Amino acid sequence: MLGDDGNDVNAEEVDERQHYGVMDKEDLISYALRLEKELTRKNNIIQSLTLQRDWIIEKKDTRGGTQRVHGSSHGV
């Protein structure tokens, strides 16, 4: 039996490819683009949440009379 690349493959290899859902080049590119888009979206969420967290910490520290220094709170 000949594979996609024209080389001889046995039935076991064909079954393994089908079992693991081996994708062709276009599918891989599409999948990679979807992963990139999802990663960008998640990174944007993380950045937004980090900014919100920092804003909340800053507001809390200015109201409570403490100053945040290197990850710990010290009274002023």
PDB file of N, CA and C in Angstrom:
ATOM      1  N   MET A   1       0.855  -1.187   0.000  1.00  0.00           N
ATOM      2  CA  MET A   1       0.000   0.000   0.000  1.00  0.00           C
ATOM      3  C   MET A   1       0.895   1.244   0.000  1.00  0.00           C
ATOM      4  N   LEU A   2       0.525   2.243  -0.765  1.00  0.00           N
ATOM      5  CA  LEU A   2       1.303   3.476  -0.843  1.00  0.00           C
ATOM      6  C   LEU A   2       0.693   4.546   0.046  1.00  0.00           C
ATOM      7  N   GLY A   3       1.556   5.278   0.750  1.00  0.00           N
ATOM      8  CA  GLY A   3       1.099   6.368   1.596  1.00  0.00           C
ATOM      9  C   GLY A   3       0.952   7.650   0.807  1.00  0.00           C
ATOM     10  N   ASP A   4       0.614   8.732   1.502  1.00  0.00           N
ATOM     11  CA  ASP A   4       0.429  10.039   0.862  1.00  0.00           C
ATOM     12  C   ASP A   4       1.691  10.517   0.156  1.00  0.00           C
ATOM     13  N   ASP A   5       2.846  10.139   0.709  1.00  0.00           N
ATOM     14  CA  ASP A   5       4.104  10.588   0.127  1.00  0.00           C
ATOM     15  C   ASP A   5       4.623   9.654  -0.964  1.00  0.00           C
ATOM     16  N   GLY A   6       3.844   8.614  -1.302  1.00  0.00           N
ATOM     17  CA  GLY A   6       4.239   7.687  -2.349  1.00  0.00           C
ATOM     18  C   GLY A   6       5.080   6.529  -1.856  1.00  0.00           C
ATOM     19  N   ASN A   7       5.438   6.530  -0.573  1.00  0.00           N
ATOM     20  CA  ASN A   7       6.224   5.441  -0.003  1.00  0.00           C
ATOM     21  C   ASN A   7       5.316   4.306   0.432  1.00  0.00           C
ATOM     22  N   ASP A   8       5.882   3.117   0.475  1.00  0.00           N
ATOM     23  CA  ASP A   8       5.134   1.934   0.873  1.00  0.00           C
ATOM     24  C   ASP A   8       4.889   1.975   2.386  1.00  0.00           C
ATOM     25  N   VAL A   9       3.652   1.789   2.804  1.00  0.00           N
ATOM     26  CA  VAL A   9       3.306   1.733   4.226  1.00  0.00           C
ATOM     27  C   VAL A   9       2.490   0.478   4.465  1.00  0.00           C
ATOM     28  N   ASN A  10       2.565  -0.040   5.675  1.00  0.00           N
ATOM     29  CA  ASN A  10       1.772  -1.222   5.970  1.00  0.00           C
ATOM     30  C   ASN A  10       0.431  -0.812   6.581  1.00  0.00           C
ATOM     31  N   ALA A  11      -0.481  -1.753   6.667  1.00  0.00           N
ATOM     32  CA  ALA A  11      -1.833  -1.477   7.160  1.00  0.00           C
ATOM     33  C   ALA A  11      -1.809  -0.988   8.599  1.00  0.00           C
ATOM     34  N   GLU A  12      -0.847  -1.459   9.380  1.00  0.00           N
ATOM     35  CA  GLU A  12      -0.744  -1.038  10.785  1.00  0.00           C
ATOM     36  C   GLU A  12      -0.447   0.462  10.878  1.00  0.00           C
ATOM     37  N   GLU A  13       0.443   0.956  10.030  1.00  0.00           N
ATOM     38  CA  GLU A  13       0.760   2.384  10.018  1.00  0.00           C
ATOM     39  C   GLU A  13      -0.450   3.206   9.600  1.00  0.00           C
ATOM     40  N   VAL A  14      -1.196   2.706   8.620  1.00  0.00           N
ATOM     41  CA  VAL A  14      -2.400   3.405   8.167  1.00  0.00           C
ATOM     42  C   VAL A  14      -3.408   3.482   9.303  1.00  0.00           C
ATOM     43  N   ASP A  15      -3.619   2.364  10.017  1.00  0.00           N
ATOM     44  CA  ASP A  15      -4.542   2.355  11.153  1.00  0.00           C
ATOM     45  C   ASP A  15      -4.092   3.339  12.221  1.00  0.00           C
ATOM     46  N   GLU A  16      -2.776   3.393  12.481  1.00  0.00           N
ATOM     47  CA  GLU A  16      -2.247   4.299  13.496  1.00  0.00           C
ATOM     48  C   GLU A  16      -2.489   5.756  13.102  1.00  0.00           C
ATOM     49  N   ARG A  17      -2.269   6.082  11.838  1.00  0.00           N
ATOM     50  CA  ARG A  17      -2.506   7.452  11.365  1.00  0.00           C
ATOM     51  C   ARG A  17      -3.971   7.831  11.524  1.00  0.00           C
ATOM     52  N   GLN A  18      -4.858   6.913  11.152  1.00  0.00           N
ATOM     53  CA  GLN A  18      -6.289   7.193  11.281  1.00  0.00           C
ATOM     54  C   GLN A  18      -6.681   7.314  12.743  1.00  0.00           C
ATOM     55  N   HIS A  19      -6.103   6.453  13.597  1.00  0.00           N
ATOM     56  CA  HIS A  19      -6.424   6.482  15.027  1.00  0.00           C
ATOM     57  C   HIS A  19      -6.019   7.814  15.655  1.00  0.00           C
ATOM     58  N   TYR A  20      -4.835   8.286  15.318  1.00  0.00           N
ATOM     59  CA  TYR A  20      -4.349   9.533  15.909  1.00  0.00           C
ATOM     60  C   TYR A  20      -4.771  10.765  15.126  1.00  0.00           C
ATOM     61  N   GLY A  21      -5.512  10.585  14.055  1.00  0.00           N
ATOM     62  CA  GLY A  21      -6.031  11.718  13.293  1.00  0.00           C
ATOM     63  C   GLY A  21      -4.945  12.570  12.673  1.00  0.00           C
ATOM     64  N   VAL A  22      -4.003  11.952  12.004  1.00  0.00           N
ATOM     65  CA  VAL A  22      -2.918  12.689  11.362  1.00  0.00           C
ATOM     66  C   VAL A  22      -3.524  13.683  10.373  1.00  0.00           C
ATOM     67  N   MET A  23      -3.096  14.942  10.487  1.00  0.00           N
ATOM     68  CA  MET A  23      -3.654  16.008   9.658  1.00  0.00           C
ATOM     69  C   MET A  23      -2.748  16.296   8.471  1.00  0.00           C
ATOM     70  N   ASP A  24      -3.359  16.773   7.404  1.00  0.00           N
ATOM     71  CA  ASP A  24      -2.550  17.193   6.264  1.00  0.00           C
ATOM     72  C   ASP A  24      -2.023  18.605   6.526  1.00  0.00           C
ATOM     73  N   LYS A  25      -1.206  19.101   5.622  1.00  0.00           N
ATOM     74  CA  LYS A  25      -0.527  20.388   5.809  1.00  0.00           C
ATOM     75  C   LYS A  25      -1.509  21.541   6.029  1.00  0.00           C
ATOM     76  N   GLU A  26      -2.577  21.584   5.234  1.00  0.00           N
ATOM     77  CA  GLU A  26      -3.549  22.678   5.356  1.00  0.00           C
ATOM     78  C   GLU A  26      -4.258  22.636   6.709  1.00  0.00           C
ATOM     79  N   ASP A  27      -4.599  21.413   7.166  1.00  0.00           N
ATOM     80  CA  ASP A  27      -5.241  21.274   8.472  1.00  0.00           C
ATOM     81  C   ASP A  27      -4.308  21.717   9.592  1.00  0.00           C
ATOM     82  N   LEU A  28      -3.034  21.364   9.474  1.00  0.00           N
ATOM     83  CA  LEU A  28      -2.059  21.762  10.491  1.00  0.00           C
ATOM     84  C   LEU A  28      -1.903  23.276  10.546  1.00  0.00           C
ATOM     85  N   ILE A  29      -1.863  23.915   9.383  1.00  0.00           N
ATOM     86  CA  ILE A  29      -1.738  25.376   9.336  1.00  0.00           C
ATOM     87  C   ILE A  29      -2.966  26.022   9.958  1.00  0.00           C
ATOM     88  N   SER A  30      -4.134  25.529   9.606  1.00  0.00           N
ATOM     89  CA  SER A  30      -5.378  26.056  10.156  1.00  0.00           C
ATOM     90  C   SER A  30      -5.420  25.876  11.672  1.00  0.00           C
ATOM     91  N   TYR A  31      -5.014  24.702  12.131  1.00  0.00           N
ATOM     92  CA  TYR A  31      -4.992  24.410  13.565  1.00  0.00           C
ATOM     93  C   TYR A  31      -4.012  25.332  14.288  1.00  0.00           C
ATOM     94  N   ALA A  32      -2.834  25.529  13.706  1.00  0.00           N
ATOM     95  CA  ALA A  32      -1.833  26.412  14.305  1.00  0.00           C
ATOM     96  C   ALA A  32      -2.346  27.845  14.391  1.00  0.00           C
ATOM     97  N   LEU A  33      -3.047  28.305  13.361  1.00  0.00           N
ATOM     98  CA  LEU A  33      -3.602  29.663  13.383  1.00  0.00           C
ATOM     99  C   LEU A  33      -4.677  29.800  14.456  1.00  0.00           C
ATOM    100  N   ARG A  34      -5.513  28.755  14.613  1.00  0.00           N
ATOM    101  CA  ARG A  34      -6.528  28.780  15.674  1.00  0.00           C
ATOM    102  C   ARG A  34      -5.872  28.805  17.050  1.00  0.00           C
ATOM    103  N   LEU A  35      -4.806  28.019  17.224  1.00  0.00           N
ATOM    104  CA  LEU A  35      -4.090  28.012  18.500  1.00  0.00           C
ATOM    105  C   LEU A  35      -3.468  29.373  18.789  1.00  0.00           C
ATOM    106  N   GLU A  36      -2.896  29.991  17.758  1.00  0.00           N
ATOM    107  CA  GLU A  36      -2.290  31.313  17.926  1.00  0.00           C
ATOM    108  C   GLU A  36      -3.343  32.338  18.339  1.00  0.00           C
ATOM    109  N   LYS A  37      -4.501  32.285  17.691  1.00  0.00           N
ATOM    110  CA  LYS A  37      -5.589  33.209  18.013  1.00  0.00           C
ATOM    111  C   LYS A  37      -6.066  32.997  19.451  1.00  0.00           C
ATOM    112  N   GLU A  38      -6.211  31.740  19.857  1.00  0.00           N
ATOM    113  CA  GLU A  38      -6.648  31.423  21.217  1.00  0.00           C
ATOM    114  C   GLU A  38      -5.603  31.863  22.238  1.00  0.00           C
ATOM    115  N   LEU A  39      -4.339  31.657  21.945  1.00  0.00           N
ATOM    116  CA  LEU A  39      -3.267  32.076  22.838  1.00  0.00           C
ATOM    117  C   LEU A  39      -3.250  33.596  22.993  1.00  0.00           C
ATOM    118  N   THR A  40      -3.422  34.314  21.898  1.00  0.00           N
ATOM    119  CA  THR A  40      -3.472  35.775  21.945  1.00  0.00           C
ATOM    120  C   THR A  40      -4.644  36.243  22.795  1.00  0.00           C
ATOM    121  N   ARG A  41      -5.800  35.608  22.613  1.00  0.00           N
ATOM    122  CA  ARG A  41      -6.989  35.962  23.391  1.00  0.00           C
ATOM    123  C   ARG A  41      -6.740  35.734  24.887  1.00  0.00           C
ATOM    124  N   LYS A  42      -6.162  34.593  25.226  1.00  0.00           N
ATOM    125  CA  LYS A  42      -5.902  34.286  26.636  1.00  0.00           C
ATOM    126  C   LYS A  42      -4.851  35.220  27.221  1.00  0.00           C
ATOM    127  N   ASN A  43      -3.829  35.560  26.445  1.00  0.00           N
ATOM    128  CA  ASN A  43      -2.821  36.508  26.923  1.00  0.00           C
ATOM    129  C   ASN A  43      -3.433  37.884  27.168  1.00  0.00           C
ATOM    130  N   ASN A  44      -4.370  38.301  26.313  1.00  0.00           N
ATOM    131  CA  ASN A  44      -5.061  39.576  26.514  1.00  0.00           C
ATOM    132  C   ASN A  44      -5.888  39.552  27.794  1.00  0.00           C
ATOM    133  N   ILE A  45      -6.534  38.433  28.068  1.00  0.00           N
ATOM    134  CA  ILE A  45      -7.313  38.295  29.305  1.00  0.00           C
ATOM    135  C   ILE A  45      -6.391  38.386  30.514  1.00  0.00           C
ATOM    136  N   ILE A  46      -5.266  37.692  30.460  1.00  0.00           N
ATOM    137  CA  ILE A  46      -4.305  37.724  31.568  1.00  0.00           C
ATOM    138  C   ILE A  46      -3.791  39.140  31.793  1.00  0.00           C
ATOM    139  N   GLN A  47      -3.473  39.836  30.713  1.00  0.00           N
ATOM    140  CA  GLN A  47      -2.978  41.208  30.832  1.00  0.00           C
ATOM    141  C   GLN A  47      -4.041  42.112  31.451  1.00  0.00           C
ATOM    142  N   SER A  48      -5.285  41.958  31.017  1.00  0.00           N
ATOM    143  CA  SER A  48      -6.374  42.762  31.548  1.00  0.00           C
ATOM    144  C   SER A  48      -6.588  42.482  33.032  1.00  0.00           C
ATOM    145  N   LEU A  49      -6.588  41.210  33.406  1.00  0.00           N
ATOM    146  CA  LEU A  49      -6.781  40.853  34.814  1.00  0.00           C
ATOM    147  C   LEU A  49      -5.622  41.343  35.678  1.00  0.00           C
ATOM    148  N   THR A  50      -4.416  41.301  35.138  1.00  0.00           N
ATOM    149  CA  THR A  50      -3.255  41.794  35.871  1.00  0.00           C
ATOM    150  C   THR A  50      -3.373  43.295  36.113  1.00  0.00           C
ATOM    151  N   LEU A  51      -3.794  44.033  35.100  1.00  0.00           N
ATOM    152  CA  LEU A  51      -3.984  45.479  35.262  1.00  0.00           C
ATOM    153  C   LEU A  51      -5.072  45.778  36.284  1.00  0.00           C
ATOM    154  N   GLN A  52      -6.175  45.017  36.238  1.00  0.00           N
ATOM    155  CA  GLN A  52      -7.254  45.199  37.212  1.00  0.00           C
ATOM    156  C   GLN A  52      -6.763  44.903  38.621  1.00  0.00           C
ATOM    157  N   ARG A  53      -6.006  43.817  38.777  1.00  0.00           N
ATOM    158  CA  ARG A  53      -5.463  43.458  40.084  1.00  0.00           C
ATOM    159  C   ARG A  53      -4.561  44.564  40.617  1.00  0.00           C
ATOM    160  N   ASP A  54      -3.661  45.058  39.770  1.00  0.00           N
ATOM    161  CA  ASP A  54      -2.743  46.113  40.193  1.00  0.00           C
ATOM    162  C   ASP A  54      -3.501  47.379  40.578  1.00  0.00           C
ATOM    163  N   TRP A  55      -4.562  47.697  39.838  1.00  0.00           N
ATOM    164  CA  TRP A  55      -5.364  48.881  40.138  1.00  0.00           C
ATOM    165  C   TRP A  55      -6.055  48.710  41.492  1.00  0.00           C
ATOM    166  N   ILE A  56      -6.598  47.538  41.742  1.00  0.00           N
ATOM    167  CA  ILE A  56      -7.274  47.267  43.020  1.00  0.00           C
ATOM    168  C   ILE A  56      -6.280  47.350  44.171  1.00  0.00           C
ATOM    169  N   ILE A  57      -5.105  46.777  44.000  1.00  0.00           N
ATOM    170  CA  ILE A  57      -4.079  46.827  45.049  1.00  0.00           C
ATOM    171  C   ILE A  57      -3.670  48.267  45.315  1.00  0.00           C
ATOM    172  N   GLU A  58      -3.500  49.037  44.253  1.00  0.00           N
ATOM    173  CA  GLU A  58      -3.111  50.439  44.406  1.00  0.00           C
ATOM    174  C   GLU A  58      -4.188  51.218  45.155  1.00  0.00           C
ATOM    175  N   LYS A  59      -5.466  51.019  44.783  1.00  0.00           N
ATOM    176  CA  LYS A  59      -6.566  51.717  45.461  1.00  0.00           C
ATOM    177  C   LYS A  59      -6.631  51.313  46.924  1.00  0.00           C
ATOM    178  N   LYS A  60      -6.488  50.023  47.189  1.00  0.00           N
ATOM    179  CA  LYS A  60      -6.546  49.520  48.559  1.00  0.00           C
ATOM    180  C   LYS A  60      -5.412  50.112  49.388  1.00  0.00           C
ATOM    181  N   ASP A  61      -4.222  50.147  48.832  1.00  0.00           N
ATOM    182  CA  ASP A  61      -3.067  50.659  49.560  1.00  0.00           C
ATOM    183  C   ASP A  61      -3.177  52.155  49.826  1.00  0.00           C
ATOM    184  N   THR A  62      -3.707  52.936  48.884  1.00  0.00           N
ATOM    185  CA  THR A  62      -3.817  54.377  49.105  1.00  0.00           C
ATOM    186  C   THR A  62      -4.916  54.687  50.112  1.00  0.00           C
ATOM    187  N   ARG A  63      -5.968  53.885  50.150  1.00  0.00           N
ATOM    188  CA  ARG A  63      -7.039  54.101  51.126  1.00  0.00           C
ATOM    189  C   ARG A  63      -6.627  53.646  52.515  1.00  0.00           C
ATOM    190  N   GLY A  64      -5.865  52.561  52.585  1.00  0.00           N
ATOM    191  CA  GLY A  64      -5.503  51.989  53.874  1.00  0.00           C
ATOM    192  C   GLY A  64      -4.288  52.627  54.501  1.00  0.00           C
ATOM    193  N   GLY A  65      -3.654  53.545  53.816  1.00  0.00           N
ATOM    194  CA  GLY A  65      -2.493  54.223  54.364  1.00  0.00           C
ATOM    195  C   GLY A  65      -1.235  53.377  54.341  1.00  0.00           C
ATOM    196  N   THR A  66      -1.219  52.356  53.503  1.00  0.00           N
ATOM    197  CA  THR A  66      -0.015  51.536  53.394  1.00  0.00           C
ATOM    198  C   THR A  66       0.598  51.743  52.027  1.00  0.00           C
ATOM    199  N   GLN A  67       1.854  51.424  51.942  1.00  0.00           N
ATOM    200  CA  GLN A  67       2.555  51.573  50.674  1.00  0.00           C
ATOM    201  C   GLN A  67       3.093  50.209  50.277  1.00  0.00           C
ATOM    202  N   ARG A  68       2.862  49.809  49.058  1.00  0.00           N
ATOM    203  CA  ARG A  68       3.279  48.489  48.588  1.00  0.00           C
ATOM    204  C   ARG A  68       4.731  48.569  48.114  1.00  0.00           C
ATOM    205  N   VAL A  69       5.585  47.736  48.728  1.00  0.00           N
ATOM    206  CA  VAL A  69       6.995  47.721  48.377  1.00  0.00           C
ATOM    207  C   VAL A  69       7.422  46.275  48.136  1.00  0.00           C
ATOM    208  N   HIS A  70       7.862  45.977  46.934  1.00  0.00           N
ATOM    209  CA  HIS A  70       8.374  44.653  46.571  1.00  0.00           C
ATOM    210  C   HIS A  70       7.460  43.519  47.014  1.00  0.00           C
ATOM    211  N   GLY A  71       6.177  43.653  46.747  1.00  0.00           N
ATOM    212  CA  GLY A  71       5.251  42.568  47.012  1.00  0.00           C
ATOM    213  C   GLY A  71       4.772  42.459  48.443  1.00  0.00           C
ATOM    214  N   SER A  72       5.177  43.368  49.318  1.00  0.00           N
ATOM    215  CA  SER A  72       4.684  43.319  50.695  1.00  0.00           C
ATOM    216  C   SER A  72       4.187  44.701  51.093  1.00  0.00           C
ATOM    217  N   SER A  73       3.273  44.735  52.052  1.00  0.00           N
ATOM    218  CA  SER A  73       2.715  46.011  52.508  1.00  0.00           C
ATOM    219  C   SER A  73       3.452  46.467  53.760  1.00  0.00           C
ATOM    220  N   HIS A  74       3.787  47.740  53.784  1.00  0.00           N
ATOM    221  CA  HIS A  74       4.443  48.347  54.943  1.00  0.00           C
ATOM    222  C   HIS A  74       3.662  49.591  55.329  1.00  0.00           C
ATOM    223  N   GLY A  75       3.426  49.774  56.606  1.00  0.00           N
ATOM    224  CA  GLY A  75       2.725  50.968  57.061  1.00  0.00           C
ATOM    225  C   GLY A  75       3.545  52.210  56.810  1.00  0.00           C
ATOM    226  N   VAL A  76       2.856  53.338  56.560  1.00  0.00           N
ATOM    227  CA  VAL A  76       3.554  54.593  56.281  1.00  0.00           C
ATOM    228  C   VAL A  76       3.653  55.389  57.546  1.00  0.00           C
TER     229      VAL A  76
END
